[in-house]
Amino acid sequence: MFEQIGTVLAGAPAERERTPVRRQSRARGRCEGVFWRRTNRQDVRTIVLAARRYELAGRQPGARNGPLGGVAIELLELFANLVDFRTGRLEPSIDTLMLKLRRSRDAIVRALKTWGRRKNCSL
């Protein structure tokens, strides 16, 4: 009996590797409409100009930066150049942002946190 089981097991395909699935994840190709929306150059330009005005209006006399900071404005301008207008997708890595802006990881992360604190600021 054990010899028969051994022959059956020898012919069985090897178990494939399984990749972990994150909780509450969605299948690729079905969830992008939830996260991304189509945009155009005029809307993106309006957002960048509004952020610049907000930065200038909120700057205190004698201060180097306003409420957003110079790196956050640079980051927003880079996002405006990287966004795919047709689909609205924008997924650069922090390493890509570091290379394009020539800023440190810490500066990029702090600028992203600044945008996260502003509820009405989105691209």
C-alpha atoms as a PDB file:
ATOM      1  CA  MET A   1       0.000   0.000   0.000  1.00  0.00           C
ATOM      2  CA  PHE A   2       2.823   2.462   0.855  1.00  0.00           C
ATOM      3  CA  GLU A   3       4.513   1.654  -2.443  1.00  0.00           C
ATOM      4  CA  GLN A   4       1.343   2.615  -4.308  1.00  0.00           C
ATOM      5  CA  ILE A   5       1.087   5.900  -2.418  1.00  0.00           C
ATOM      6  CA  GLY A   6       4.756   6.594  -3.157  1.00  0.00           C
ATOM      7  CA  THR A   7       4.221   6.123  -6.891  1.00  0.00           C
ATOM      8  CA  VAL A   8       1.201   8.401  -6.814  1.00  0.00           C
ATOM      9  CA  LEU A   9       3.106  11.075  -4.910  1.00  0.00           C
ATOM     10  CA  ALA A  10       6.095  10.829  -7.236  1.00  0.00           C
ATOM     11  CA  GLY A  11       3.917  11.641 -10.223  1.00  0.00           C
ATOM     12  CA  ALA A  12       2.144  14.535  -8.514  1.00  0.00           C
ATOM     13  CA  PRO A  13       3.105  18.051  -9.567  1.00  0.00           C
ATOM     14  CA  ALA A  14       5.268  19.972  -7.148  1.00  0.00           C
ATOM     15  CA  GLU A  15       3.444  22.397  -4.916  1.00  0.00           C
ATOM     16  CA  ARG A  16       3.607  25.902  -6.346  1.00  0.00           C
ATOM     17  CA  GLU A  17       4.773  28.893  -4.397  1.00  0.00           C
ATOM     18  CA  ARG A  18       2.022  31.093  -3.117  1.00  0.00           C
ATOM     19  CA  THR A  19       2.333  34.820  -2.819  1.00  0.00           C
ATOM     20  CA  PRO A  20       0.749  36.418   0.218  1.00  0.00           C
ATOM     21  CA  VAL A  21      -2.478  38.313  -0.350  1.00  0.00           C
ATOM     22  CA  ARG A  22      -3.110  41.458   1.620  1.00  0.00           C
ATOM     23  CA  ARG A  23      -6.294  41.802   3.578  1.00  0.00           C
ATOM     24  CA  GLN A  24      -9.038  43.791   1.796  1.00  0.00           C
ATOM     25  CA  SER A  25      -7.090  43.766  -1.479  1.00  0.00           C
ATOM     26  CA  ARG A  26      -8.767  43.812  -4.880  1.00  0.00           C
ATOM     27  CA  ALA A  27      -7.942  42.098  -8.143  1.00  0.00           C
ATOM     28  CA  ARG A  28      -5.808  44.044 -10.617  1.00  0.00           C
ATOM     29  CA  GLY A  29      -7.794  45.782 -13.313  1.00  0.00           C
ATOM     30  CA  ARG A  30     -10.993  46.026 -11.273  1.00  0.00           C
ATOM     31  CA  CYS A  31     -10.173  48.574  -8.584  1.00  0.00           C
ATOM     32  CA  GLU A  32      -8.391  51.372 -10.404  1.00  0.00           C
ATOM     33  CA  GLY A  33     -11.620  53.307 -10.904  1.00  0.00           C
ATOM     34  CA  VAL A  34     -11.896  53.653  -7.137  1.00  0.00           C
ATOM     35  CA  PHE A  35      -8.471  55.250  -6.707  1.00  0.00           C
ATOM     36  CA  TRP A  36      -7.786  57.136  -9.923  1.00  0.00           C
ATOM     37  CA  ARG A  37      -9.842  59.549 -11.952  1.00  0.00           C
ATOM     38  CA  ARG A  38      -9.189  61.162 -15.285  1.00  0.00           C
ATOM     39  CA  THR A  39      -7.830  64.709 -15.263  1.00  0.00           C
ATOM     40  CA  ASN A  40      -6.614  67.348 -17.684  1.00  0.00           C
ATOM     41  CA  ARG A  41      -3.774  69.844 -17.815  1.00  0.00           C
ATOM     42  CA  GLN A  42      -5.923  72.839 -16.920  1.00  0.00           C
ATOM     43  CA  ASP A  43      -7.165  71.238 -13.675  1.00  0.00           C
ATOM     44  CA  VAL A  44      -3.663  70.191 -12.663  1.00  0.00           C
ATOM     45  CA  ARG A  45      -2.284  73.657 -13.440  1.00  0.00           C
ATOM     46  CA  THR A  46      -5.056  75.222 -11.334  1.00  0.00           C
ATOM     47  CA  ILE A  47      -4.123  73.005  -8.383  1.00  0.00           C
ATOM     48  CA  VAL A  48      -0.420  73.908  -8.669  1.00  0.00           C
ATOM     49  CA  LEU A  49      -1.168  77.628  -8.864  1.00  0.00           C
ATOM     50  CA  ALA A  50      -3.538  77.407  -5.893  1.00  0.00           C
ATOM     51  CA  ALA A  51      -0.852  75.636  -3.854  1.00  0.00           C
ATOM     52  CA  ARG A  52       1.698  78.341  -4.728  1.00  0.00           C
ATOM     53  CA  ARG A  53      -0.752  81.071  -3.705  1.00  0.00           C
ATOM     54  CA  TYR A  54      -1.542  79.249  -0.463  1.00  0.00           C
ATOM     55  CA  GLU A  55       2.178  78.946   0.266  1.00  0.00           C
ATOM     56  CA  LEU A  56       2.765  82.678  -0.306  1.00  0.00           C
ATOM     57  CA  ALA A  57      -0.340  83.786   1.601  1.00  0.00           C
ATOM     58  CA  GLY A  58       0.457  81.624   4.622  1.00  0.00           C
ATOM     59  CA  ARG A  59       4.119  82.578   4.943  1.00  0.00           C
ATOM     60  CA  GLN A  60       4.883  84.511   8.097  1.00  0.00           C
ATOM     61  CA  PRO A  61       7.185  87.554   7.881  1.00  0.00           C
ATOM     62  CA  GLY A  62      10.801  86.441   8.236  1.00  0.00           C
ATOM     63  CA  ALA A  63       9.989  82.721   7.802  1.00  0.00           C
ATOM     64  CA  ARG A  64      11.712  80.611   5.153  1.00  0.00           C
ATOM     65  CA  ASN A  65       8.646  78.576   4.225  1.00  0.00           C
ATOM     66  CA  GLY A  66       4.894  78.809   4.355  1.00  0.00           C
ATOM     67  CA  PRO A  67       2.469  76.144   5.543  1.00  0.00           C
ATOM     68  CA  LEU A  68       3.422  73.654   2.800  1.00  0.00           C
ATOM     69  CA  GLY A  69       7.129  74.237   2.292  1.00  0.00           C
ATOM     70  CA  GLY A  70       9.244  74.605  -0.796  1.00  0.00           C
ATOM     71  CA  VAL A  71       9.855  70.882  -1.246  1.00  0.00           C
ATOM     72  CA  ALA A  72       6.120  70.163  -1.181  1.00  0.00           C
ATOM     73  CA  ILE A  73       5.569  72.717  -3.958  1.00  0.00           C
ATOM     74  CA  GLU A  74       8.397  71.151  -5.999  1.00  0.00           C
ATOM     75  CA  LEU A  75       6.851  67.746  -5.381  1.00  0.00           C
ATOM     76  CA  LEU A  76       3.449  68.921  -6.581  1.00  0.00           C
ATOM     77  CA  GLU A  77       4.983  70.376  -9.741  1.00  0.00           C
ATOM     78  CA  LEU A  78       6.736  67.069 -10.388  1.00  0.00           C
ATOM     79  CA  PHE A  79       3.458  65.204  -9.861  1.00  0.00           C
ATOM     80  CA  ALA A  80       1.848  67.525 -12.400  1.00  0.00           C
ATOM     81  CA  ASN A  81       4.464  66.408 -14.937  1.00  0.00           C
ATOM     82  CA  LEU A  82       4.279  62.701 -14.077  1.00  0.00           C
ATOM     83  CA  VAL A  83       0.500  62.191 -13.966  1.00  0.00           C
ATOM     84  CA  ASP A  84      -1.110  60.176 -16.751  1.00  0.00           C
ATOM     85  CA  PHE A  85      -3.944  62.505 -17.766  1.00  0.00           C
ATOM     86  CA  ARG A  86      -5.930  59.793 -19.553  1.00  0.00           C
ATOM     87  CA  THR A  87      -6.225  57.503 -16.540  1.00  0.00           C
ATOM     88  CA  GLY A  88      -5.218  59.774 -13.669  1.00  0.00           C
ATOM     89  CA  ARG A  89      -2.599  57.285 -12.446  1.00  0.00           C
ATOM     90  CA  LEU A  90       0.295  58.628 -10.442  1.00  0.00           C
ATOM     91  CA  GLU A  91       2.488  56.092  -8.666  1.00  0.00           C
ATOM     92  CA  PRO A  92       6.125  57.208  -8.459  1.00  0.00           C
ATOM     93  CA  SER A  93       8.330  55.600  -5.837  1.00  0.00           C
ATOM     94  CA  ILE A  94      10.139  57.647  -3.225  1.00  0.00           C
ATOM     95  CA  ASP A  95      13.430  56.717  -4.912  1.00  0.00           C
ATOM     96  CA  THR A  96      12.164  58.149  -8.208  1.00  0.00           C
ATOM     97  CA  LEU A  97      11.084  61.336  -6.464  1.00  0.00           C
ATOM     98  CA  MET A  98      14.497  61.601  -4.804  1.00  0.00           C
ATOM     99  CA  LEU A  99      16.295  61.265  -8.143  1.00  0.00           C
ATOM    100  CA  LYS A 100      14.076  63.723 -10.010  1.00  0.00           C
ATOM    101  CA  LEU A 101      14.048  66.421  -7.311  1.00  0.00           C
ATOM    102  CA  ARG A 102      17.577  65.781  -6.016  1.00  0.00           C
ATOM    103  CA  ARG A 103      16.307  65.877  -2.436  1.00  0.00           C
ATOM    104  CA  SER A 104      16.858  63.557   0.516  1.00  0.00           C
ATOM    105  CA  ARG A 105      14.444  60.806   1.474  1.00  0.00           C
ATOM    106  CA  ASP A 106      13.593  62.672   4.663  1.00  0.00           C
ATOM    107  CA  ALA A 107      12.704  65.845   2.764  1.00  0.00           C
ATOM    108  CA  ILE A 108      10.435  63.901   0.395  1.00  0.00           C
ATOM    109  CA  VAL A 109       8.694  62.054   3.220  1.00  0.00           C
ATOM    110  CA  ARG A 110       8.148  65.263   5.202  1.00  0.00           C
ATOM    111  CA  ALA A 111       6.705  66.980   2.115  1.00  0.00           C
ATOM    112  CA  LEU A 112       4.329  64.053   1.539  1.00  0.00           C
ATOM    113  CA  LYS A 113       3.249  64.221   5.183  1.00  0.00           C
ATOM    114  CA  THR A 114       2.553  67.928   4.756  1.00  0.00           C
ATOM    115  CA  TRP A 115       0.179  67.119   1.895  1.00  0.00           C
ATOM    116  CA  GLY A 116      -1.422  64.364   3.959  1.00  0.00           C
ATOM    117  CA  ARG A 117      -2.240  66.830   6.731  1.00  0.00           C
ATOM    118  CA  ARG A 118      -4.057  69.124   4.320  1.00  0.00           C
ATOM    119  CA  LYS A 119      -7.483  67.552   3.767  1.00  0.00           C
ATOM    120  CA  ASN A 120      -8.480  69.678   0.783  1.00  0.00           C
ATOM    121  CA  CYS A 121      -5.167  69.316  -1.105  1.00  0.00           C
ATOM    122  CA  SER A 122      -5.249  66.524  -3.651  1.00  0.00           C
ATOM    123  CA  LEU A 123      -4.056  66.001  -7.154  1.00  0.00           C
END
